[in-house]
Protein backbone atom coordinates (compact mmCIF):
# COMPACT_ATOMS: atom_id res chain seq x y z
CA UNK A 1 43.48 37.68 28.01
CA UNK A 2 41.19 38.18 25.03
CA UNK A 3 41.53 40.28 21.90
CA UNK A 4 39.34 41.16 18.93
CA UNK A 5 40.56 39.81 15.60
CA UNK A 6 39.38 39.97 12.01
CA UNK A 7 41.11 36.91 10.55
CA UNK A 8 43.87 34.38 11.00
CA UNK A 9 45.80 32.73 8.15
CA UNK A 10 47.92 29.77 9.26
CA UNK A 11 50.26 29.79 6.23
CA UNK A 12 51.32 32.68 4.02
CA UNK A 13 54.45 33.31 1.99
CA UNK A 14 53.61 36.91 0.94
CA UNK A 15 53.35 38.67 4.32
CA UNK A 16 57.00 38.70 5.29
CA UNK A 17 60.05 36.48 4.96
CA UNK A 18 59.55 32.72 4.89
CA UNK A 19 56.36 30.82 5.60
CA UNK A 20 54.37 32.79 8.17
CA UNK A 21 51.09 32.87 10.00
CA UNK A 22 49.15 36.13 9.68
CA UNK A 23 46.89 37.64 12.32
CA UNK A 24 44.64 40.57 11.40
CA UNK A 25 43.47 42.58 14.39
CA UNK A 26 39.99 44.11 14.28
CA UNK A 27 39.53 47.84 14.77
CA UNK A 28 41.17 50.89 13.24
CA UNK A 29 40.61 54.62 13.69
CA UNK A 30 42.85 55.89 10.88
CA UNK A 31 40.34 55.36 8.03
CA UNK A 32 43.04 55.80 5.38
CA UNK A 33 41.51 56.50 1.97
CA UNK A 34 41.93 53.48 -0.29
CA UNK A 35 42.62 51.06 2.58
CA UNK A 36 42.75 47.44 1.39
CA UNK A 37 41.09 46.14 4.58
CA UNK A 38 38.15 48.46 5.41
CA UNK A 39 36.32 45.44 6.89
CA UNK A 40 38.81 45.54 9.75
CA UNK A 41 37.95 49.12 10.82
CA UNK A 42 34.82 48.66 12.99
CA UNK A 43 35.84 48.43 16.62
CA UNK A 44 32.86 46.25 17.57
CA UNK A 45 33.08 43.62 14.83
CA UNK A 46 35.33 40.61 14.25
CA UNK A 47 35.54 37.90 16.88
CA UNK A 48 36.85 37.82 20.38
CA UNK A 49 39.45 35.12 20.99
CA UNK A 50 41.93 34.34 23.72
CA UNK A 51 45.64 34.82 23.19
CA UNK A 52 46.11 31.16 24.09
CA UNK A 53 43.78 30.19 21.23
CA UNK A 54 45.78 32.26 18.75
CA UNK A 55 49.04 30.74 19.99
CA UNK A 56 47.59 27.25 19.49
CA UNK A 57 46.61 28.11 15.90
CA UNK A 58 50.23 28.88 14.88
CA UNK A 59 51.68 25.85 13.06
CA UNK A 60 55.01 24.65 14.42
CA UNK A 61 56.62 24.72 10.97
CA UNK A 62 56.24 28.46 10.23
CA UNK A 63 59.13 30.88 10.59
CA UNK A 64 57.12 33.58 12.24
CA UNK A 65 53.96 35.57 12.65
CA UNK A 66 52.93 38.73 10.84
CA UNK A 67 50.49 40.95 12.71
CA UNK A 68 48.39 43.42 10.79
CA UNK A 69 45.03 45.07 11.03
CA UNK A 70 42.95 46.87 11.53
CA UNK A 71 45.36 48.52 13.90
CA UNK A 72 47.17 46.20 16.34
CA UNK A 73 48.26 49.04 18.62
CA UNK A 74 44.66 49.82 19.57
CA UNK A 75 44.79 46.64 21.70
CA UNK A 76 48.21 47.25 23.22
CA UNK A 77 47.94 45.17 26.37
CA UNK A 78 46.82 42.11 24.39
CA UNK A 79 49.41 42.83 21.69
CA UNK A 80 52.17 42.93 24.30
CA UNK A 81 51.14 39.60 25.77
CA UNK A 82 50.79 38.10 22.28
CA UNK A 83 54.18 39.20 20.89
CA UNK A 84 56.03 38.21 24.06
CA UNK A 85 54.45 34.73 23.88
CA UNK A 86 55.20 34.41 20.16
CA UNK A 87 58.88 35.24 20.76
CA UNK A 88 58.97 32.84 23.72
CA UNK A 89 57.96 30.07 21.30
CA UNK A 90 60.89 30.99 19.02
CA UNK A 91 59.01 32.65 16.15
CA UNK A 92 59.89 35.94 14.51
CA UNK A 93 57.45 38.87 14.63
CA UNK A 94 56.60 41.36 11.87
CA UNK A 95 54.04 44.06 12.67
CA UNK A 96 52.22 46.39 10.26
CA UNK A 97 50.87 49.55 11.89
CA UNK A 98 49.34 52.83 10.77
CA UNK A 99 51.14 54.48 13.66
CA UNK A 100 54.62 55.77 12.96
CA UNK A 101 57.51 54.43 15.06
CA UNK A 102 57.88 57.75 16.88
CA UNK A 103 54.17 57.60 17.84
CA UNK A 104 54.40 53.99 19.03
CA UNK A 105 57.38 54.84 21.22
CA UNK A 106 55.13 57.29 23.13
CA UNK A 107 52.18 54.90 23.56
CA UNK A 108 51.58 53.01 26.79
CA UNK A 109 53.34 49.63 26.36
CA UNK A 110 54.77 50.85 23.02
CA UNK A 111 58.44 50.35 23.87
CA UNK A 112 57.71 47.03 25.55
CA UNK A 113 55.89 45.76 22.46
CA UNK A 114 58.67 46.92 20.14
CA UNK A 115 61.22 44.99 22.21
CA UNK A 116 59.62 41.76 20.88
CA UNK A 117 59.21 42.88 17.26
CA UNK A 118 61.79 41.98 14.61
CA UNK A 119 60.39 44.25 11.91
CA UNK A 120 57.90 47.12 12.10
CA UNK A 121 56.29 48.43 8.92
CA UNK A 122 54.79 51.75 9.96
CA UNK A 123 52.81 54.68 8.67
CA UNK A 124 49.38 55.55 7.36
CA UNK A 125 48.47 54.23 3.94
CA UNK A 126 48.59 56.96 1.27
CA UNK A 127 46.64 56.01 -1.85
CA UNK A 128 48.50 58.72 -3.82
CA UNK A 129 51.82 56.94 -3.16
CA UNK A 130 50.97 53.26 -3.69
CA UNK A 131 54.15 51.20 -3.66
CA UNK A 132 55.11 49.11 -6.65
CA UNK A 133 57.93 47.38 -4.81
CA UNK A 134 58.70 46.20 -1.33
CA UNK A 135 56.39 44.92 1.36
CA UNK A 136 54.43 48.01 2.26
CA UNK A 137 51.27 49.56 0.90
CA UNK A 138 52.55 53.02 0.07
CA UNK A 139 55.96 54.58 -0.33
CA UNK A 140 55.60 56.86 2.71
CA UNK A 141 55.59 53.79 4.96
CA UNK A 142 58.83 52.65 6.54
CA UNK A 143 60.36 49.24 7.11
CA UNK A 144 62.19 49.30 10.45
CA UNK A 145 64.57 46.41 11.10
CA UNK A 146 64.42 46.32 14.92
CA UNK A 147 66.62 43.22 15.29
CA UNK A 148 69.34 41.73 13.13
CA UNK A 149 67.14 38.77 12.13
CA UNK A 150 66.30 40.12 8.66
CA UNK A 151 67.75 42.31 5.91
CA UNK A 152 65.90 44.96 3.96
CA UNK A 153 66.12 42.76 0.84
CA UNK A 154 63.96 40.17 2.66
CA UNK A 155 61.06 42.61 2.19
CA UNK A 156 61.40 43.24 -1.55
CA UNK A 157 58.95 40.53 -2.60
CA UNK A 158 55.51 41.85 -3.54
CA UNK A 159 53.08 39.05 -4.28
CA UNK A 160 49.46 38.08 -3.68
CA UNK A 161 47.84 34.91 -2.33
CA UNK A 162 44.25 33.82 -2.80
CA UNK A 163 42.73 31.32 -0.39
CA UNK A 164 39.31 29.74 -0.86
CA UNK A 165 37.81 28.15 2.25
CA UNK A 166 35.32 25.29 2.42
CA UNK A 167 32.42 27.78 2.28
CA UNK A 168 33.74 29.24 -0.96
CA UNK A 169 34.83 32.50 0.69
CA UNK A 170 37.90 34.09 -0.89
CA UNK A 171 40.61 35.66 1.22
CA UNK A 172 43.26 37.82 -0.44
CA UNK A 173 46.56 38.50 1.32
CA UNK A 174 49.59 40.40 0.17
CA UNK A 175 49.42 43.53 -1.93
CA UNK A 176 47.10 43.12 -4.92
CA UNK A 177 46.88 45.70 -7.66
CA UNK A 178 43.59 47.62 -7.87
CA UNK A 179 42.92 45.89 -11.21
CA UNK A 180 43.12 42.52 -9.45
CA UNK A 181 40.74 43.64 -6.71
CA UNK A 182 38.17 44.95 -9.17
CA UNK A 183 38.01 41.51 -10.84
CA UNK A 184 37.40 39.75 -7.51
CA UNK A 185 34.67 42.03 -6.12
């Protein structure tokens, strides 16, 4: 099965507990004002890759995979196959979504997907309530511990990583302050 992604980062220490891989899905319909990743919104951009390819990209020495967007739940069938395969390989799963938990529970495949997720960080980004602590973009978003794998304190770190690839392109992950972003653009 294929899915449309925006980016993949093999190693990150700012997108959840431990060393993690990060997968950014392509496509979002929420259009939250002040979104950090507006490049991920177009439904017809990004690149189409197979789930098997993504699974092969995950280094064996990471603790888990963080899935973000765009909006992962717009590609629910692929997301279900992906998270079940990630868990089968023994990794933990953290998912960021603009949907709220109660909305996900009503989506087709929603409950099935959640059964493979260790932590869900949910809710639309609200630029009037930008978080200064914890691993979420704004204070209206919730961190749901869906398994006993992690504690809430595992999500208190709020840092930023910069990666420069061989082409000189800069990728920023984590939660940078607006002042940091304005210096990079």
